[in-house]
Amino acid sequence: MNVDEKYMARALQLARQGAGHTSPNPMVGAVIVHKGLIVGEGFHRCCGEGHAEVNAIASVRDHDVLRESTIYVTLEPCSHYGKTPPCAKLLIDKGIKRVVVGCLDPFEKVSGRGIKMLQQAGIEVTVGVLEDECRALNKRFFTAHTSHRPWVLLKWAQSQDGFIAGTGGATVQLSTPLTQCLVHRERSMVDAIIVGARTVANDNPSLTTRHWSGNSPLRVVIDGNMTIPAASTILTDGAKTLIYNSVKSEITGSAQWAQVDIMPSSWLEDLYRRGITSVMVEGGASILRQFINSNCWDEMRIEISPLRLGSGVKAPNFTASNIIHTTIDGNEILRILK
């Protein structure tokens, strides 16, 4: 690992501290180095707050050293006015000598413009240091802005013999308390969570992150014919819920009904327009199969319990080769990358 890679690796460590709090913005870390010493660090903590470069510069005691310093940033500095001023302009105004960037920003309002601003101001710019790692950090952000749809995680738990529910859709506890807690952590990392109307009717879920300290995602229910019970938790607990259906579009309290075509591509297109960059699809089986059959997914998380049911609702079938296996609390966890 060379010097640039060493400091970029530290910037990546910092960036990860924003996980679950920056969306729809990306996670970004920044490190400022002067004469071989780190004099400033920062990361993007929360959407709407200071970007990594702003926080790193604010942490430097003597701003006079900035004119002889290098800043390492995991993602191209922004070049446009959004909720905060352009970071590229800040670096120019502070007289930063050199900027090392992990990867370019795919967002159309940036996408190379930040680099161009810096170079036109006479700043030395190096791009592509630990690029693969920097892109992987924000895979959800990159998918949203290159494919113009949210990044999609399909998640389900199944028995050892391949069932996700008992006969007639009866609920069966397949996750352990520990793996359930980890699922809630996963929920806190996405903008929205999708389930079908049958799951709501059978399980009456809250779909929150109550077992993890983090943000709860927007709840999205696929209910083509308006069948979910009016007393369902998702309609009565006051948290926001979006219901895709083929009947009406209206807002009642914290619930919004949206009339769209009942197919994954339509749901994802509408969610992207709403600023949603990542979703977790938790079921049921029919909804999961629709996403698999339409090839509208990026990653799967499958939990396999040692319990055998013998009959019930079959888990979705799929073909994959890039599978990562782990065992947690006696259950096997498969992570499948597209």
Protein backbone atom coordinates (compact mmCIF):
# COMPACT_ATOMS: atom_id res chain seq x y z
CA MET A 1 0.00 0.00 0.00
CA ASN A 2 1.50 3.32 -1.07
CA VAL A 3 1.13 6.65 0.76
CA ASP A 4 -1.99 7.75 -1.14
CA GLU A 5 -3.67 4.40 -0.55
CA LYS A 6 -2.84 4.54 3.18
CA TYR A 7 -4.60 7.85 3.69
CA MET A 8 -7.50 6.90 1.41
CA ALA A 9 -8.00 3.74 3.48
CA ARG A 10 -8.32 5.97 6.55
CA ALA A 11 -10.84 8.16 4.70
CA LEU A 12 -12.88 5.03 3.96
CA GLN A 13 -12.86 4.12 7.65
CA LEU A 14 -14.24 7.54 8.47
CA ALA A 15 -16.87 7.39 5.72
CA ARG A 16 -18.35 4.16 7.12
CA GLN A 17 -19.25 5.98 10.34
CA GLY A 18 -22.06 7.70 8.44
CA ALA A 19 -23.75 4.41 7.55
CA GLY A 20 -27.52 4.58 7.93
CA HIS A 21 -27.63 8.36 8.34
CA THR A 22 -26.56 10.03 5.07
CA SER A 23 -29.12 8.78 2.51
CA PRO A 24 -30.00 9.92 -0.08
CA ASN A 25 -26.48 11.34 0.04
CA PRO A 26 -23.49 8.99 -0.13
CA MET A 27 -21.13 8.13 2.70
CA VAL A 28 -17.94 10.17 2.33
CA GLY A 29 -14.76 10.49 4.38
CA ALA A 30 -11.92 13.02 4.15
CA VAL A 31 -8.39 13.21 5.56
CA ILE A 32 -6.09 16.25 5.41
CA VAL A 33 -2.33 15.60 5.46
CA HIS A 34 0.43 18.18 5.97
CA LYS A 35 4.09 17.16 5.75
CA GLY A 36 3.30 13.50 6.42
CA LEU A 37 0.99 14.13 9.37
CA ILE A 38 -2.80 13.98 9.54
CA VAL A 39 -3.96 17.44 10.62
CA GLY A 40 -7.67 17.08 9.93
CA GLU A 41 -10.36 14.43 9.50
CA GLY A 42 -14.07 14.41 8.83
CA PHE A 43 -16.99 12.46 7.39
CA HIS A 44 -20.52 13.17 6.22
CA ARG A 45 -22.56 12.53 9.35
CA CYS A 46 -26.12 13.19 8.22
CA CYS A 47 -28.03 14.34 5.14
CA GLY A 48 -28.38 18.13 5.23
CA GLU A 49 -25.34 18.62 7.44
CA GLY A 50 -21.74 19.45 6.53
CA HIS A 51 -20.01 17.26 3.97
CA ALA A 52 -16.81 15.35 4.75
CA GLU A 53 -14.55 18.08 3.34
CA VAL A 54 -16.26 20.78 5.41
CA ASN A 55 -15.91 18.76 8.61
CA ALA A 56 -12.29 17.84 7.88
CA ILE A 57 -11.30 21.48 7.27
CA ALA A 58 -13.18 22.58 10.40
CA SER A 59 -11.07 20.16 12.44
CA VAL A 60 -7.76 21.76 11.34
CA ARG A 61 -6.37 24.06 14.04
CA ASP A 62 -4.18 26.24 11.81
CA HIS A 63 -5.79 26.91 8.43
CA ASP A 64 -2.55 28.42 7.15
CA VAL A 65 -1.20 24.88 6.65
CA LEU A 66 -3.96 24.06 4.16
CA ARG A 67 -2.03 25.76 1.34
CA GLU A 68 0.66 23.11 1.74
CA SER A 69 -1.68 20.19 2.43
CA THR A 70 -3.27 17.28 0.56
CA ILE A 71 -6.87 16.29 1.16
CA TYR A 72 -7.96 12.71 0.54
CA VAL A 73 -11.68 12.32 -0.26
CA THR A 74 -13.45 9.03 -1.01
CA LEU A 75 -15.84 10.67 -3.51
CA GLU A 76 -15.45 13.57 -5.92
CA PRO A 77 -16.12 16.92 -4.18
CA CYS A 78 -19.51 18.35 -5.14
CA SER A 79 -19.66 21.28 -7.56
CA HIS A 80 -23.25 22.46 -7.12
CA TYR A 81 -25.37 24.25 -4.54
CA GLY A 82 -27.72 21.87 -2.76
CA LYS A 83 -28.47 21.88 0.96
CA THR A 84 -24.84 23.00 1.40
CA PRO A 85 -22.43 25.06 -0.79
CA PRO A 86 -20.08 23.29 -3.25
CA CYS A 87 -17.17 21.52 -1.55
CA ALA A 88 -14.99 22.03 -4.63
CA LYS A 89 -15.33 25.80 -4.17
CA LEU A 90 -14.45 25.49 -0.48
CA LEU A 91 -11.24 23.62 -1.31
CA ILE A 92 -10.34 26.29 -3.86
CA ASP A 93 -11.06 29.13 -1.42
CA LYS A 94 -8.93 27.47 1.27
CA GLY A 95 -6.02 27.09 -1.15
CA ILE A 96 -5.66 23.33 -0.79
CA LYS A 97 -2.52 22.28 -2.69
CA ARG A 98 -3.55 18.79 -3.81
CA VAL A 99 -6.76 16.75 -3.87
CA VAL A 100 -6.78 12.94 -4.05
CA VAL A 101 -10.17 11.45 -4.99
CA GLY A 102 -11.27 7.85 -4.62
CA CYS A 103 -13.88 7.84 -7.39
CA LEU A 104 -16.02 10.13 -9.49
CA ASP A 105 -19.54 11.02 -8.38
CA PRO A 106 -22.22 9.52 -10.70
CA PHE A 107 -24.77 12.19 -9.73
CA GLU A 108 -25.49 14.17 -12.89
CA LYS A 109 -25.03 17.55 -11.16
CA VAL A 110 -21.45 16.58 -10.24
CA SER A 111 -20.06 13.76 -12.44
CA GLY A 112 -16.65 15.22 -13.27
CA ARG A 113 -17.56 18.87 -12.75
CA GLY A 114 -15.99 18.95 -9.29
CA ILE A 115 -12.70 17.65 -10.68
CA LYS A 116 -12.81 20.18 -13.51
CA MET A 117 -13.40 23.08 -11.08
CA LEU A 118 -10.39 22.07 -9.01
CA GLN A 119 -8.11 21.64 -12.01
CA GLN A 120 -9.15 24.96 -13.52
CA ALA A 121 -8.19 26.61 -10.22
CA GLY A 122 -4.68 25.16 -10.56
CA ILE A 123 -5.06 22.45 -7.93
CA GLU A 124 -3.27 19.15 -8.51
CA VAL A 125 -5.87 16.38 -8.65
CA THR A 126 -5.36 12.61 -8.52
CA VAL A 127 -8.38 10.37 -9.20
CA GLY A 128 -8.92 6.61 -8.74
CA VAL A 129 -7.05 5.77 -5.51
CA LEU A 130 -8.72 2.65 -4.01
CA GLU A 131 -11.45 3.24 -6.57
CA ASP A 132 -13.06 -0.20 -6.28
CA GLU A 133 -13.31 0.10 -2.50
CA CYS A 134 -14.73 3.62 -2.74
CA ARG A 135 -17.35 2.58 -5.27
CA ALA A 136 -18.30 -0.51 -3.22
CA LEU A 137 -18.82 1.66 -0.14
CA ASN A 138 -21.62 3.53 -1.94
CA LYS A 139 -22.98 0.75 -4.14
CA ARG A 140 -26.53 1.84 -3.32
CA PHE A 141 -25.89 5.45 -4.28
CA PHE A 142 -24.13 4.40 -7.50
CA THR A 143 -26.91 2.00 -8.51
CA ALA A 144 -29.58 4.66 -7.96
CA HIS A 145 -27.83 7.28 -10.07
CA THR A 146 -26.62 5.02 -12.87
CA SER A 147 -29.69 2.77 -13.21
CA HIS A 148 -32.24 5.44 -12.17
CA ARG A 149 -33.88 3.07 -9.69
CA PRO A 150 -33.20 2.18 -6.06
CA TRP A 151 -30.68 -0.50 -5.17
CA VAL A 152 -32.70 -3.62 -4.23
CA LEU A 153 -31.99 -6.16 -1.49
CA LEU A 154 -34.22 -9.24 -1.43
CA LYS A 155 -34.45 -10.74 2.05
CA TRP A 156 -36.19 -13.80 3.43
CA ALA A 157 -35.83 -16.58 5.99
CA GLN A 158 -36.60 -20.19 5.16
CA SER A 159 -36.63 -23.59 6.78
CA GLN A 160 -34.01 -26.23 6.07
CA ASP A 161 -36.45 -27.88 3.63
CA GLY A 162 -37.22 -24.65 1.76
CA PHE A 163 -40.40 -23.14 3.22
CA ILE A 164 -40.81 -19.51 4.31
CA ALA A 165 -44.15 -20.03 6.09
CA GLY A 166 -46.34 -22.85 7.29
CA THR A 167 -49.47 -24.29 5.71
CA GLY A 168 -51.90 -21.57 4.66
CA GLY A 169 -49.23 -18.93 5.21
CA ALA A 170 -49.04 -19.52 8.96
CA THR A 171 -46.22 -17.51 10.56
CA VAL A 172 -43.24 -19.58 11.73
CA GLN A 173 -40.32 -18.06 13.70
CA LEU A 174 -37.27 -18.97 11.64
CA SER A 175 -34.89 -16.21 12.75
CA THR A 176 -33.22 -16.17 16.16
CA PRO A 177 -33.27 -13.10 18.43
CA LEU A 178 -29.73 -12.29 17.30
CA THR A 179 -30.34 -12.66 13.56
CA GLN A 180 -33.58 -10.70 13.90
CA CYS A 181 -31.60 -7.88 15.50
CA LEU A 182 -29.17 -7.98 12.55
CA VAL A 183 -32.08 -7.78 10.11
CA HIS A 184 -33.25 -4.63 11.87
CA ARG A 185 -29.74 -3.26 11.43
CA GLU A 186 -30.10 -3.97 7.70
CA ARG A 187 -33.45 -2.13 7.72
CA SER A 188 -31.76 0.93 9.20
CA MET A 189 -29.42 1.03 6.19
CA VAL A 190 -32.16 1.30 3.53
CA ASP A 191 -34.59 4.07 2.62
CA ALA A 192 -37.66 1.84 2.16
CA ILE A 193 -38.96 -1.64 2.90
CA ILE A 194 -41.42 -3.46 0.63
CA VAL A 195 -43.93 -6.16 1.56
CA GLY A 196 -47.06 -7.56 0.01
CA ALA A 197 -50.64 -7.20 1.27
CA ARG A 198 -50.79 -10.86 2.28
CA THR A 199 -47.78 -10.41 4.57
CA VAL A 200 -49.51 -7.47 6.24
CA ALA A 201 -52.76 -9.45 6.66
CA ASN A 202 -51.05 -12.59 8.00
CA ASP A 203 -48.33 -11.09 10.20
CA ASN A 204 -49.50 -7.53 10.98
CA PRO A 205 -45.86 -6.34 11.04
CA SER A 206 -44.62 -2.91 12.15
CA LEU A 207 -41.59 -3.02 9.81
CA THR A 208 -39.53 -0.72 12.03
CA THR A 209 -36.02 -0.90 13.47
CA ARG A 210 -37.26 -1.44 17.02
CA HIS A 211 -34.45 -3.97 17.73
CA TRP A 212 -31.71 -1.62 16.47
CA SER A 213 -30.84 2.00 17.15
CA GLY A 214 -31.31 3.51 13.71
CA ASN A 215 -33.72 5.14 11.29
CA SER A 216 -36.83 3.20 10.30
CA PRO A 217 -37.36 3.00 6.51
CA LEU A 218 -40.42 4.14 4.60
CA ARG A 219 -42.90 1.25 4.59
CA VAL A 220 -44.20 0.29 1.15
CA VAL A 221 -47.06 -2.18 0.72
CA ILE A 222 -48.07 -3.76 -2.59
CA ASP A 223 -51.86 -4.00 -2.35
CA GLY A 224 -53.35 -4.11 -5.83
CA ASN A 225 -56.98 -4.51 -4.78
CA MET A 226 -56.94 -2.65 -1.44
CA THR A 227 -57.24 -5.67 0.84
CA ILE A 228 -55.09 -4.83 3.85
CA PRO A 229 -57.12 -4.55 7.08
CA ALA A 230 -57.86 -1.00 8.25
CA ALA A 231 -56.67 -1.95 11.75
CA SER A 232 -53.20 -2.98 10.52
CA THR A 233 -50.31 -1.59 12.54
CA ILE A 234 -48.81 0.10 9.49
CA LEU A 235 -52.03 2.13 9.09
CA THR A 236 -52.56 2.99 12.73
CA ASP A 237 -49.17 3.62 14.38
CA GLY A 238 -48.62 7.07 12.82
CA ALA A 239 -45.44 6.22 10.88
CA LYS A 240 -45.34 6.87 7.13
CA THR A 241 -46.62 4.14 4.82
CA LEU A 242 -46.93 4.12 1.03
CA ILE A 243 -49.47 1.73 -0.52
CA TYR A 244 -49.19 0.90 -4.22
CA ASN A 245 -52.54 -0.14 -5.65
CA SER A 246 -54.63 -0.10 -8.84
CA VAL A 247 -57.61 1.78 -7.37
CA LYS A 248 -56.84 5.24 -5.99
CA SER A 249 -54.30 7.94 -5.12
CA GLU A 250 -54.91 9.83 -1.90
CA ILE A 251 -53.40 10.67 1.48
CA THR A 252 -55.10 9.74 4.74
CA GLY A 253 -53.19 10.58 7.89
CA SER A 254 -49.71 9.04 7.69
CA ALA A 255 -50.70 6.68 4.84
CA GLN A 256 -50.46 7.51 1.18
CA TRP A 257 -52.17 5.45 -1.52
CA ALA A 258 -50.56 5.66 -4.95
CA GLN A 259 -52.16 4.22 -8.09
CA VAL A 260 -49.45 2.61 -10.21
CA ASP A 261 -48.98 -0.42 -12.42
CA ILE A 262 -48.57 -3.45 -10.19
CA MET A 263 -45.09 -4.50 -11.32
CA PRO A 264 -41.60 -4.05 -9.78
CA SER A 265 -40.30 -1.68 -12.47
CA SER A 266 -43.19 0.74 -11.82
CA TRP A 267 -42.69 0.64 -8.05
CA LEU A 268 -38.96 1.27 -8.36
CA GLU A 269 -39.44 4.07 -10.89
CA ASP A 270 -41.87 5.84 -8.58
CA LEU A 271 -39.65 5.34 -5.52
CA TYR A 272 -36.66 6.80 -7.36
CA ARG A 273 -38.73 9.88 -8.20
CA ARG A 274 -39.46 10.19 -4.49
CA GLY A 275 -35.73 10.26 -3.68
CA ILE A 276 -35.51 6.63 -2.49
CA THR A 277 -32.08 5.17 -3.32
CA SER A 278 -32.31 1.75 -1.62
CA VAL A 279 -35.02 -0.75 -0.70
CA MET A 280 -35.29 -4.05 1.12
CA VAL A 281 -37.95 -6.46 -0.13
CA GLU A 282 -39.10 -8.67 2.76
CA GLY A 283 -41.87 -10.63 1.08
CA GLY A 284 -44.00 -12.51 0.83
CA ALA A 285 -43.07 -15.19 -1.63
CA SER A 286 -45.14 -13.78 -4.51
CA ILE A 287 -43.57 -10.30 -4.27
CA LEU A 288 -40.07 -11.78 -4.02
CA ARG A 289 -40.66 -13.92 -7.11
CA GLN A 290 -41.84 -10.88 -9.07
CA PHE A 291 -38.56 -9.11 -8.34
CA ILE A 292 -36.52 -12.20 -9.21
CA ASN A 293 -38.44 -12.94 -12.42
CA SER A 294 -38.18 -9.32 -13.60
CA ASN A 295 -34.45 -9.24 -12.72
CA CYS A 296 -35.04 -6.18 -10.52
CA TRP A 297 -32.59 -6.93 -7.72
CA ASP A 298 -28.97 -6.36 -6.74
CA GLU A 299 -28.39 -8.51 -3.68
CA MET A 300 -30.10 -11.27 -1.68
CA ARG A 301 -29.93 -12.13 2.00
CA ILE A 302 -31.31 -15.59 2.76
CA GLU A 303 -31.42 -16.99 6.27
CA ILE A 304 -31.73 -20.77 6.56
CA SER A 305 -32.98 -22.22 9.83
CA PRO A 306 -32.22 -25.85 10.81
CA LEU A 307 -35.97 -26.23 11.42
CA ARG A 308 -37.85 -28.47 8.94
CA LEU A 309 -41.53 -27.69 8.22
CA GLY A 310 -42.46 -30.47 5.81
CA SER A 311 -45.04 -28.32 4.02
CA GLY A 312 -46.14 -24.73 3.62
CA VAL A 313 -45.26 -21.74 1.43
CA LYS A 314 -42.24 -22.50 -0.72
CA ALA A 315 -39.29 -20.13 -0.78
CA PRO A 316 -38.44 -18.52 -4.15
CA ASN A 317 -36.24 -20.41 -6.59
CA PHE A 318 -33.21 -18.72 -8.10
CA THR A 319 -29.91 -19.44 -9.80
CA ALA A 320 -26.74 -17.80 -8.50
CA SER A 321 -23.02 -18.45 -8.30
CA ASN A 322 -21.63 -15.56 -6.28
CA ILE A 323 -22.68 -16.74 -2.82
CA ILE A 324 -21.09 -15.81 0.52
CA HIS A 325 -21.83 -18.23 3.39
CA THR A 326 -21.77 -17.39 7.10
CA THR A 327 -23.29 -19.01 10.18
CA ILE A 328 -24.84 -16.86 12.90
CA ASP A 329 -26.49 -18.23 16.02
CA GLY A 330 -26.97 -21.64 14.40
CA ASN A 331 -28.63 -20.27 11.23
CA GLU A 332 -26.90 -20.19 7.86
CA ILE A 333 -26.83 -16.77 6.16
CA LEU A 334 -26.40 -16.62 2.39
CA ARG A 335 -25.39 -13.32 0.85
CA ILE A 336 -25.82 -13.42 -2.91
CA LEU A 337 -24.38 -10.72 -5.13
CA LYS A 338 -25.77 -10.25 -8.62
